[in-house]
PDB file of N, CA and C in Angstrom:
ATOM      1  N   MET A   1     -78.019  75.923  23.220  1.00  0.00           N
ATOM      2  CA  MET A   1     -77.140  76.235  24.311  1.00  0.00           C
ATOM      3  C   MET A   1     -76.535  77.615  24.156  1.00  0.00           C
ATOM      4  N   TRP A   2     -76.021  77.935  22.955  1.00  0.00           N
ATOM      5  CA  TRP A   2     -75.437  79.255  22.728  1.00  0.00           C
ATOM      6  C   TRP A   2     -76.319  80.100  21.843  1.00  0.00           C
ATOM      7  N   GLY A   3     -77.547  79.715  21.651  1.00  0.00           N
ATOM      8  CA  GLY A   3     -78.441  80.483  20.815  1.00  0.00           C
ATOM      9  C   GLY A   3     -78.419  80.073  19.355  1.00  0.00           C
ATOM     10  N   TYR A   4     -77.679  79.004  19.027  1.00  0.00           N
ATOM     11  CA  TYR A   4     -77.623  78.523  17.655  1.00  0.00           C
ATOM     12  C   TYR A   4     -78.260  77.146  17.567  1.00  0.00           C
ATOM     13  N   SER A   5     -79.011  76.956  16.534  1.00  0.00           N
ATOM     14  CA  SER A   5     -79.532  75.629  16.266  1.00  0.00           C
ATOM     15  C   SER A   5     -78.605  74.939  15.282  1.00  0.00           C
ATOM     16  N   ILE A   6     -78.794  73.667  15.107  1.00  0.00           N
ATOM     17  CA  ILE A   6     -77.958  72.933  14.163  1.00  0.00           C
ATOM     18  C   ILE A   6     -78.196  73.439  12.735  1.00  0.00           C
ATOM     19  N   ASP A   7     -79.405  73.912  12.463  1.00  0.00           N
ATOM     20  CA  ASP A   7     -79.716  74.462  11.143  1.00  0.00           C
ATOM     21  C   ASP A   7     -78.875  75.705  10.868  1.00  0.00           C
ATOM     22  N   LYS A   8     -78.850  76.619  11.826  1.00  0.00           N
ATOM     23  CA  LYS A   8     -78.065  77.844  11.652  1.00  0.00           C
ATOM     24  C   LYS A   8     -76.572  77.543  11.574  1.00  0.00           C
ATOM     25  N   ALA A   9     -76.127  76.577  12.358  1.00  0.00           N
ATOM     26  CA  ALA A   9     -74.713  76.212  12.326  1.00  0.00           C
ATOM     27  C   ALA A   9     -74.330  75.683  10.952  1.00  0.00           C
ATOM     28  N   GLN A  10     -75.181  74.882  10.344  1.00  0.00           N
ATOM     29  CA  GLN A  10     -74.895  74.342   9.014  1.00  0.00           C
ATOM     30  C   GLN A  10     -74.838  75.462   7.974  1.00  0.00           C
ATOM     31  N   ILE A  11     -75.755  76.381   8.050  1.00  0.00           N
ATOM     32  CA  ILE A  11     -75.781  77.501   7.109  1.00  0.00           C
ATOM     33  C   ILE A  11     -74.536  78.375   7.288  1.00  0.00           C
ATOM     34  N   HIS A  12     -74.163  78.649   8.541  1.00  0.00           N
ATOM     35  CA  HIS A  12     -72.964  79.448   8.794  1.00  0.00           C
ATOM     36  C   HIS A  12     -71.705  78.726   8.310  1.00  0.00           C
ATOM     37  N   SER A  13     -71.682  77.411   8.437  1.00  0.00           N
ATOM     38  CA  SER A  13     -70.504  76.674   7.988  1.00  0.00           C
ATOM     39  C   SER A  13     -70.318  76.791   6.478  1.00  0.00           C
ATOM     40  N   ASN A  14     -71.403  76.936   5.741  1.00  0.00           N
ATOM     41  CA  ASN A  14     -71.286  77.134   4.298  1.00  0.00           C
ATOM     42  C   ASN A  14     -70.561  78.442   3.990  1.00  0.00           C
ATOM     43  N   PHE A  15     -70.861  79.490   4.719  1.00  0.00           N
ATOM     44  CA  PHE A  15     -70.196  80.772   4.502  1.00  0.00           C
ATOM     45  C   PHE A  15     -68.729  80.717   4.926  1.00  0.00           C
ATOM     46  N   ILE A  16     -68.442  80.016   6.008  1.00  0.00           N
ATOM     47  CA  ILE A  16     -67.054  79.870   6.444  1.00  0.00           C
ATOM     48  C   ILE A  16     -66.261  79.076   5.415  1.00  0.00           C
ATOM     49  N   ASN A  17     -66.875  78.038   4.872  1.00  0.00           N
ATOM     50  CA  ASN A  17     -66.218  77.241   3.832  1.00  0.00           C
ATOM     51  C   ASN A  17     -65.938  78.094   2.599  1.00  0.00           C
ATOM     52  N   LEU A  18     -66.889  78.923   2.211  1.00  0.00           N
ATOM     53  CA  LEU A  18     -66.691  79.811   1.066  1.00  0.00           C
ATOM     54  C   LEU A  18     -65.525  80.767   1.320  1.00  0.00           C
ATOM     55  N   ALA A  19     -65.465  81.337   2.517  1.00  0.00           N
ATOM     56  CA  ALA A  19     -64.384  82.269   2.848  1.00  0.00           C
ATOM     57  C   ALA A  19     -63.025  81.565   2.802  1.00  0.00           C
ATOM     58  N   SER A  20     -62.948  80.345   3.316  1.00  0.00           N
ATOM     59  CA  SER A  20     -61.672  79.628   3.283  1.00  0.00           C
ATOM     60  C   SER A  20     -61.286  79.266   1.855  1.00  0.00           C
ATOM     61  N   ASN A  21     -62.268  78.971   1.006  1.00  0.00           N
ATOM     62  CA  ASN A  21     -61.969  78.685  -0.400  1.00  0.00           C
ATOM     63  C   ASN A  21     -61.439  79.925  -1.116  1.00  0.00           C
ATOM     64  N   ILE A  22     -62.017  81.070  -0.837  1.00  0.00           N
ATOM     65  CA  ILE A  22     -61.541  82.316  -1.444  1.00  0.00           C
ATOM     66  C   ILE A  22     -60.114  82.612  -0.981  1.00  0.00           C
ATOM     67  N   ALA A  23     -59.852  82.419   0.305  1.00  0.00           N
ATOM     68  CA  ALA A  23     -58.498  82.638   0.821  1.00  0.00           C
ATOM     69  C   ALA A  23     -57.508  81.684   0.155  1.00  0.00           C
ATOM     70  N   SER A  24     -57.898  80.437  -0.042  1.00  0.00           N
ATOM     71  CA  SER A  24     -57.022  79.462  -0.696  1.00  0.00           C
ATOM     72  C   SER A  24     -56.729  79.862  -2.132  1.00  0.00           C
ATOM     73  N   ILE A  25     -57.764  80.297  -2.836  1.00  0.00           N
ATOM     74  CA  ILE A  25     -57.576  80.725  -4.228  1.00  0.00           C
ATOM     75  C   ILE A  25     -56.586  81.884  -4.295  1.00  0.00           C
ATOM     76  N   LEU A  26     -56.745  82.871  -3.435  1.00  0.00           N
ATOM     77  CA  LEU A  26     -55.827  84.014  -3.427  1.00  0.00           C
ATOM     78  C   LEU A  26     -54.403  83.572  -3.101  1.00  0.00           C
ATOM     79  N   PHE A  27     -54.274  82.656  -2.155  1.00  0.00           N
ATOM     80  CA  PHE A  27     -52.964  82.138  -1.777  1.00  0.00           C
ATOM     81  C   PHE A  27     -52.267  81.496  -2.979  1.00  0.00           C
ATOM     82  N   PHE A  28     -53.001  80.645  -3.708  1.00  0.00           N
ATOM     83  CA  PHE A  28     -52.396  79.964  -4.851  1.00  0.00           C
ATOM     84  C   PHE A  28     -52.148  80.909  -6.026  1.00  0.00           C
ATOM     85  N   ILE A  29     -53.039  81.880  -6.240  1.00  0.00           N
ATOM     86  CA  ILE A  29     -52.831  82.844  -7.324  1.00  0.00           C
ATOM     87  C   ILE A  29     -51.572  83.663  -7.068  1.00  0.00           C
ATOM     88  N   PHE A  30     -51.459  84.229  -5.859  1.00  0.00           N
ATOM     89  CA  PHE A  30     -50.306  85.066  -5.555  1.00  0.00           C
ATOM     90  C   PHE A  30     -49.020  84.252  -5.443  1.00  0.00           C
ATOM     91  N   GLY A  31     -49.139  82.967  -5.148  1.00  0.00           N
ATOM     92  CA  GLY A  31     -47.967  82.105  -5.093  1.00  0.00           C
ATOM     93  C   GLY A  31     -47.561  81.569  -6.459  1.00  0.00           C
ATOM     94  N   GLY A  32     -48.375  81.871  -7.472  1.00  0.00           N
ATOM     95  CA  GLY A  32     -48.070  81.419  -8.823  1.00  0.00           C
ATOM     96  C   GLY A  32     -48.278  79.933  -9.034  1.00  0.00           C
ATOM     97  N   LYS A  33     -49.073  79.299  -8.193  1.00  0.00           N
ATOM     98  CA  LYS A  33     -49.272  77.852  -8.265  1.00  0.00           C
ATOM     99  C   LYS A  33     -50.718  77.467  -8.575  1.00  0.00           C
ATOM    100  N   MET A  34     -51.494  78.404  -9.080  1.00  0.00           N
ATOM    101  CA  MET A  34     -52.908  78.141  -9.346  1.00  0.00           C
ATOM    102  C   MET A  34     -53.064  77.237 -10.564  1.00  0.00           C
ATOM    103  N   ILE A  35     -53.799  76.157 -10.394  1.00  0.00           N
ATOM    104  CA  ILE A  35     -54.170  75.275 -11.501  1.00  0.00           C
ATOM    105  C   ILE A  35     -55.641  75.580 -11.784  1.00  0.00           C
ATOM    106  N   TRP A  36     -55.884  76.395 -12.806  1.00  0.00           N
ATOM    107  CA  TRP A  36     -57.202  76.957 -13.042  1.00  0.00           C
ATOM    108  C   TRP A  36     -58.267  75.899 -13.290  1.00  0.00           C
ATOM    109  N   SER A  37     -57.946  74.860 -14.033  1.00  0.00           N
ATOM    110  CA  SER A  37     -58.959  73.828 -14.307  1.00  0.00           C
ATOM    111  C   SER A  37     -59.370  73.123 -13.024  1.00  0.00           C
ATOM    112  N   LEU A  38     -58.419  72.814 -12.166  1.00  0.00           N
ATOM    113  CA  LEU A  38     -58.731  72.176 -10.897  1.00  0.00           C
ATOM    114  C   LEU A  38     -59.496  73.133  -9.980  1.00  0.00           C
ATOM    115  N   GLY A  39     -59.099  74.397  -9.980  1.00  0.00           N
ATOM    116  CA  GLY A  39     -59.807  75.396  -9.173  1.00  0.00           C
ATOM    117  C   GLY A  39     -61.254  75.555  -9.590  1.00  0.00           C
ATOM    118  N   LEU A  40     -61.511  75.497 -10.901  1.00  0.00           N
ATOM    119  CA  LEU A  40     -62.885  75.602 -11.388  1.00  0.00           C
ATOM    120  C   LEU A  40     -63.715  74.396 -10.953  1.00  0.00           C
ATOM    121  N   VAL A  41     -63.133  73.217 -11.032  1.00  0.00           N
ATOM    122  CA  VAL A  41     -63.840  72.005 -10.585  1.00  0.00           C
ATOM    123  C   VAL A  41     -64.147  72.102  -9.089  1.00  0.00           C
ATOM    124  N   MET A  42     -63.176  72.565  -8.303  1.00  0.00           N
ATOM    125  CA  MET A  42     -63.385  72.718  -6.860  1.00  0.00           C
ATOM    126  C   MET A  42     -64.479  73.748  -6.568  1.00  0.00           C
ATOM    127  N   PHE A  43     -64.490  74.840  -7.317  1.00  0.00           N
ATOM    128  CA  PHE A  43     -65.516  75.867  -7.131  1.00  0.00           C
ATOM    129  C   PHE A  43     -66.911  75.313  -7.416  1.00  0.00           C
ATOM    130  N   VAL A  44     -67.039  74.606  -8.519  1.00  0.00           N
ATOM    131  CA  VAL A  44     -68.349  74.030  -8.880  1.00  0.00           C
ATOM    132  C   VAL A  44     -68.792  73.026  -7.813  1.00  0.00           C
ATOM    133  N   GLY A  45     -67.861  72.189  -7.367  1.00  0.00           N
ATOM    134  CA  GLY A  45     -68.193  71.219  -6.318  1.00  0.00           C
ATOM    135  C   GLY A  45     -68.643  71.883  -5.029  1.00  0.00           C
ATOM    136  N   GLN A  46     -67.960  72.951  -4.645  1.00  0.00           N
ATOM    137  CA  GLN A  46     -68.330  73.665  -3.416  1.00  0.00           C
ATOM    138  C   GLN A  46     -69.687  74.326  -3.573  1.00  0.00           C
ATOM    139  N   ALA A  47     -69.940  74.932  -4.722  1.00  0.00           N
ATOM    140  CA  ALA A  47     -71.216  75.619  -4.948  1.00  0.00           C
ATOM    141  C   ALA A  47     -72.377  74.618  -4.950  1.00  0.00           C
ATOM    142  N   VAL A  48     -72.189  73.497  -5.640  1.00  0.00           N
ATOM    143  CA  VAL A  48     -73.248  72.478  -5.691  1.00  0.00           C
ATOM    144  C   VAL A  48     -73.466  71.877  -4.301  1.00  0.00           C
ATOM    145  N   GLY A  49     -72.370  71.570  -3.601  1.00  0.00           N
ATOM    146  CA  GLY A  49     -72.488  71.005  -2.261  1.00  0.00           C
ATOM    147  C   GLY A  49     -73.167  71.948  -1.277  1.00  0.00           C
ATOM    148  N   ALA A  50     -72.832  73.223  -1.355  1.00  0.00           N
ATOM    149  CA  ALA A  50     -73.465  74.202  -0.464  1.00  0.00           C
ATOM    150  C   ALA A  50     -74.954  74.323  -0.761  1.00  0.00           C
ATOM    151  N   ARG A  51     -75.287  74.321  -2.035  1.00  0.00           N
ATOM    152  CA  ARG A  51     -76.702  74.421  -2.427  1.00  0.00           C
ATOM    153  C   ARG A  51     -77.483  73.191  -1.965  1.00  0.00           C
ATOM    154  N   LEU A  52     -76.925  72.009  -2.207  1.00  0.00           N
ATOM    155  CA  LEU A  52     -77.604  70.783  -1.779  1.00  0.00           C
ATOM    156  C   LEU A  52     -77.706  70.709  -0.259  1.00  0.00           C
ATOM    157  N   GLY A  53     -76.619  71.075   0.420  1.00  0.00           N
ATOM    158  CA  GLY A  53     -76.640  71.057   1.884  1.00  0.00           C
ATOM    159  C   GLY A  53     -77.680  72.006   2.453  1.00  0.00           C
ATOM    160  N   ALA A  54     -77.769  73.199   1.876  1.00  0.00           N
ATOM    161  CA  ALA A  54     -78.760  74.167   2.353  1.00  0.00           C
ATOM    162  C   ALA A  54     -80.175  73.668   2.096  1.00  0.00           C
ATOM    163  N   SER A  55     -80.404  73.054   0.948  1.00  0.00           N
ATOM    164  CA  SER A  55     -81.765  72.562   0.658  1.00  0.00           C
ATOM    165  C   SER A  55     -82.129  71.398   1.575  1.00  0.00           C
ATOM    166  N   VAL A  56     -81.154  70.537   1.908  1.00  0.00           N
ATOM    167  CA  VAL A  56     -81.431  69.437   2.837  1.00  0.00           C
ATOM    168  C   VAL A  56     -81.773  69.989   4.213  1.00  0.00           C
ATOM    169  N   VAL A  57     -81.026  70.996   4.655  1.00  0.00           N
ATOM    170  CA  VAL A  57     -81.307  71.600   5.963  1.00  0.00           C
ATOM    171  C   VAL A  57     -82.713  72.188   5.990  1.00  0.00           C
ATOM    172  N   LEU A  58     -83.086  72.882   4.919  1.00  0.00           N
ATOM    173  CA  LEU A  58     -84.386  73.543   4.908  1.00  0.00           C
ATOM    174  C   LEU A  58     -85.545  72.563   4.757  1.00  0.00           C
ATOM    175  N   THR A  59     -85.344  71.458   4.038  1.00  0.00           N
ATOM    176  CA  THR A  59     -86.456  70.527   3.822  1.00  0.00           C
ATOM    177  C   THR A  59     -86.545  69.449   4.885  1.00  0.00           C
ATOM    178  N   ARG A  60     -85.403  68.888   5.293  1.00  0.00           N
ATOM    179  CA  ARG A  60     -85.428  67.755   6.221  1.00  0.00           C
ATOM    180  C   ARG A  60     -84.926  68.099   7.615  1.00  0.00           C
ATOM    181  N   GLY A  61     -84.181  69.160   7.717  1.00  0.00           N
ATOM    182  CA  GLY A  61     -83.741  69.666   9.014  1.00  0.00           C
ATOM    183  C   GLY A  61     -82.916  68.709   9.852  1.00  0.00           C
ATOM    184  N   LYS A  62     -83.195  68.711  11.140  1.00  0.00           N
ATOM    185  CA  LYS A  62     -82.394  67.992  12.122  1.00  0.00           C
ATOM    186  C   LYS A  62     -82.442  66.480  11.951  1.00  0.00           C
ATOM    187  N   LYS A  63     -83.489  65.966  11.342  1.00  0.00           N
ATOM    188  CA  LYS A  63     -83.605  64.519  11.169  1.00  0.00           C
ATOM    189  C   LYS A  63     -82.452  63.953  10.352  1.00  0.00           C
ATOM    190  N   VAL A  64     -81.940  64.729   9.421  1.00  0.00           N
ATOM    191  CA  VAL A  64     -80.869  64.263   8.546  1.00  0.00           C
ATOM    192  C   VAL A  64     -79.515  64.826   8.970  1.00  0.00           C
ATOM    193  N   ILE A  65     -79.471  66.090   9.333  1.00  0.00           N
ATOM    194  CA  ILE A  65     -78.202  66.757   9.597  1.00  0.00           C
ATOM    195  C   ILE A  65     -77.495  66.205  10.826  1.00  0.00           C
ATOM    196  N   ARG A  66     -78.215  66.031  11.914  1.00  0.00           N
ATOM    197  CA  ARG A  66     -77.576  65.558  13.156  1.00  0.00           C
ATOM    198  C   ARG A  66     -76.907  64.190  12.963  1.00  0.00           C
ATOM    199  N   PRO A  67     -77.593  63.189  12.388  1.00  0.00           N
ATOM    200  CA  PRO A  67     -76.902  61.909  12.157  1.00  0.00           C
ATOM    201  C   PRO A  67     -75.727  62.033  11.195  1.00  0.00           C
ATOM    202  N   MET A  68     -75.851  62.897  10.182  1.00  0.00           N
ATOM    203  CA  MET A  68     -74.735  63.089   9.250  1.00  0.00           C
ATOM    204  C   MET A  68     -73.513  63.646   9.965  1.00  0.00           C
ATOM    205  N   ILE A  69     -73.713  64.608  10.837  1.00  0.00           N
ATOM    206  CA  ILE A  69     -72.602  65.203  11.577  1.00  0.00           C
ATOM    207  C   ILE A  69     -71.935  64.150  12.462  1.00  0.00           C
ATOM    208  N   VAL A  70     -72.734  63.322  13.114  1.00  0.00           N
ATOM    209  CA  VAL A  70     -72.177  62.277  13.982  1.00  0.00           C
ATOM    210  C   VAL A  70     -71.391  61.267  13.152  1.00  0.00           C
ATOM    211  N   ILE A  71     -71.957  60.817  12.036  1.00  0.00           N
ATOM    212  CA  ILE A  71     -71.289  59.818  11.197  1.00  0.00           C
ATOM    213  C   ILE A  71     -69.988  60.363  10.616  1.00  0.00           C
ATOM    214  N   VAL A  72     -70.025  61.579  10.089  1.00  0.00           N
ATOM    215  CA  VAL A  72     -68.818  62.172   9.512  1.00  0.00           C
ATOM    216  C   VAL A  72     -67.763  62.392  10.591  1.00  0.00           C
ATOM    217  N   SER A  73     -68.177  62.829  11.774  1.00  0.00           N
ATOM    218  CA  SER A  73     -67.219  63.030  12.874  1.00  0.00           C
ATOM    219  C   SER A  73     -66.557  61.717  13.272  1.00  0.00           C
ATOM    220  N   ILE A  74     -67.330  60.637  13.337  1.00  0.00           N
ATOM    221  CA  ILE A  74     -66.767  59.330  13.674  1.00  0.00           C
ATOM    222  C   ILE A  74     -65.792  58.868  12.584  1.00  0.00           C
ATOM    223  N   CYS A  75     -66.170  59.059  11.328  1.00  0.00           N
ATOM    224  CA  CYS A  75     -65.292  58.660  10.214  1.00  0.00           C
ATOM    225  C   CYS A  75     -63.987  59.441  10.226  1.00  0.00           C
ATOM    226  N   ILE A  76     -64.060  60.751  10.435  1.00  0.00           N
ATOM    227  CA  ILE A  76     -62.846  61.571  10.470  1.00  0.00           C
ATOM    228  C   ILE A  76     -61.975  61.187  11.665  1.00  0.00           C
ATOM    229  N   SER A  77     -62.602  60.954  12.808  1.00  0.00           N
ATOM    230  CA  SER A  77     -61.834  60.546  13.988  1.00  0.00           C
ATOM    231  C   SER A  77     -61.151  59.204  13.751  1.00  0.00           C
ATOM    232  N   GLY A  78     -61.865  58.273  13.137  1.00  0.00           N
ATOM    233  CA  GLY A  78     -61.274  56.971  12.819  1.00  0.00           C
ATOM    234  C   GLY A  78     -60.110  57.093  11.867  1.00  0.00           C
ATOM    235  N   LYS A  79     -60.255  57.929  10.849  1.00  0.00           N
ATOM    236  CA  LYS A  79     -59.163  58.140   9.886  1.00  0.00           C
ATOM    237  C   LYS A  79     -57.951  58.746  10.576  1.00  0.00           C
ATOM    238  N   MET A  80     -58.182  59.700  11.450  1.00  0.00           N
ATOM    239  CA  MET A  80     -57.070  60.324  12.149  1.00  0.00           C
ATOM    240  C   MET A  80     -56.361  59.320  13.055  1.00  0.00           C
ATOM    241  N   LEU A  81     -57.121  58.455  13.714  1.00  0.00           N
ATOM    242  CA  LEU A  81     -56.508  57.429  14.552  1.00  0.00           C
ATOM    243  C   LEU A  81     -55.690  56.455  13.710  1.00  0.00           C
ATOM    244  N   LEU A  82     -56.220  56.055  12.566  1.00  0.00           N
ATOM    245  CA  LEU A  82     -55.490  55.150  11.677  1.00  0.00           C
ATOM    246  C   LEU A  82     -54.208  55.797  11.158  1.00  0.00           C
ATOM    247  N   ASP A  83     -54.275  57.087  10.835  1.00  0.00           N
ATOM    248  CA  ASP A  83     -53.100  57.798  10.343  1.00  0.00           C
ATOM    249  C   ASP A  83     -52.004  57.920  11.403  1.00  0.00           C
ATOM    250  N   MET A  84     -52.412  57.935  12.673  1.00  0.00           N
ATOM    251  CA  MET A  84     -51.433  58.056  13.751  1.00  0.00           C
ATOM    252  C   MET A  84     -50.628  56.770  13.916  1.00  0.00           C
ATOM    253  N   TYR A  85     -51.248  55.633  13.602  1.00  0.00           N
ATOM    254  CA  TYR A  85     -50.589  54.333  13.872  1.00  0.00           C
ATOM    255  C   TYR A  85     -50.300  53.599  12.632  1.00  0.00           C
TER     256      TYR A  85
END
């Protein structure tokens, strides 16, 4: 519709996630609240998740990603509704 496929959107989301993680790290460092051991665990988790996500997109493509996006969106929406009430 806008010239992006779900594959490209997933790849771009990895870069956006990385940028937000870097911004968070800087925020906590300058605020003096950085917990380095936890930050390292979060970094490793993000790097591994991005790598696995990219490999799934490249090998299995839309067959896996589209249902995952729908399922995760439904789960997040359900959690938000439960939190409201």
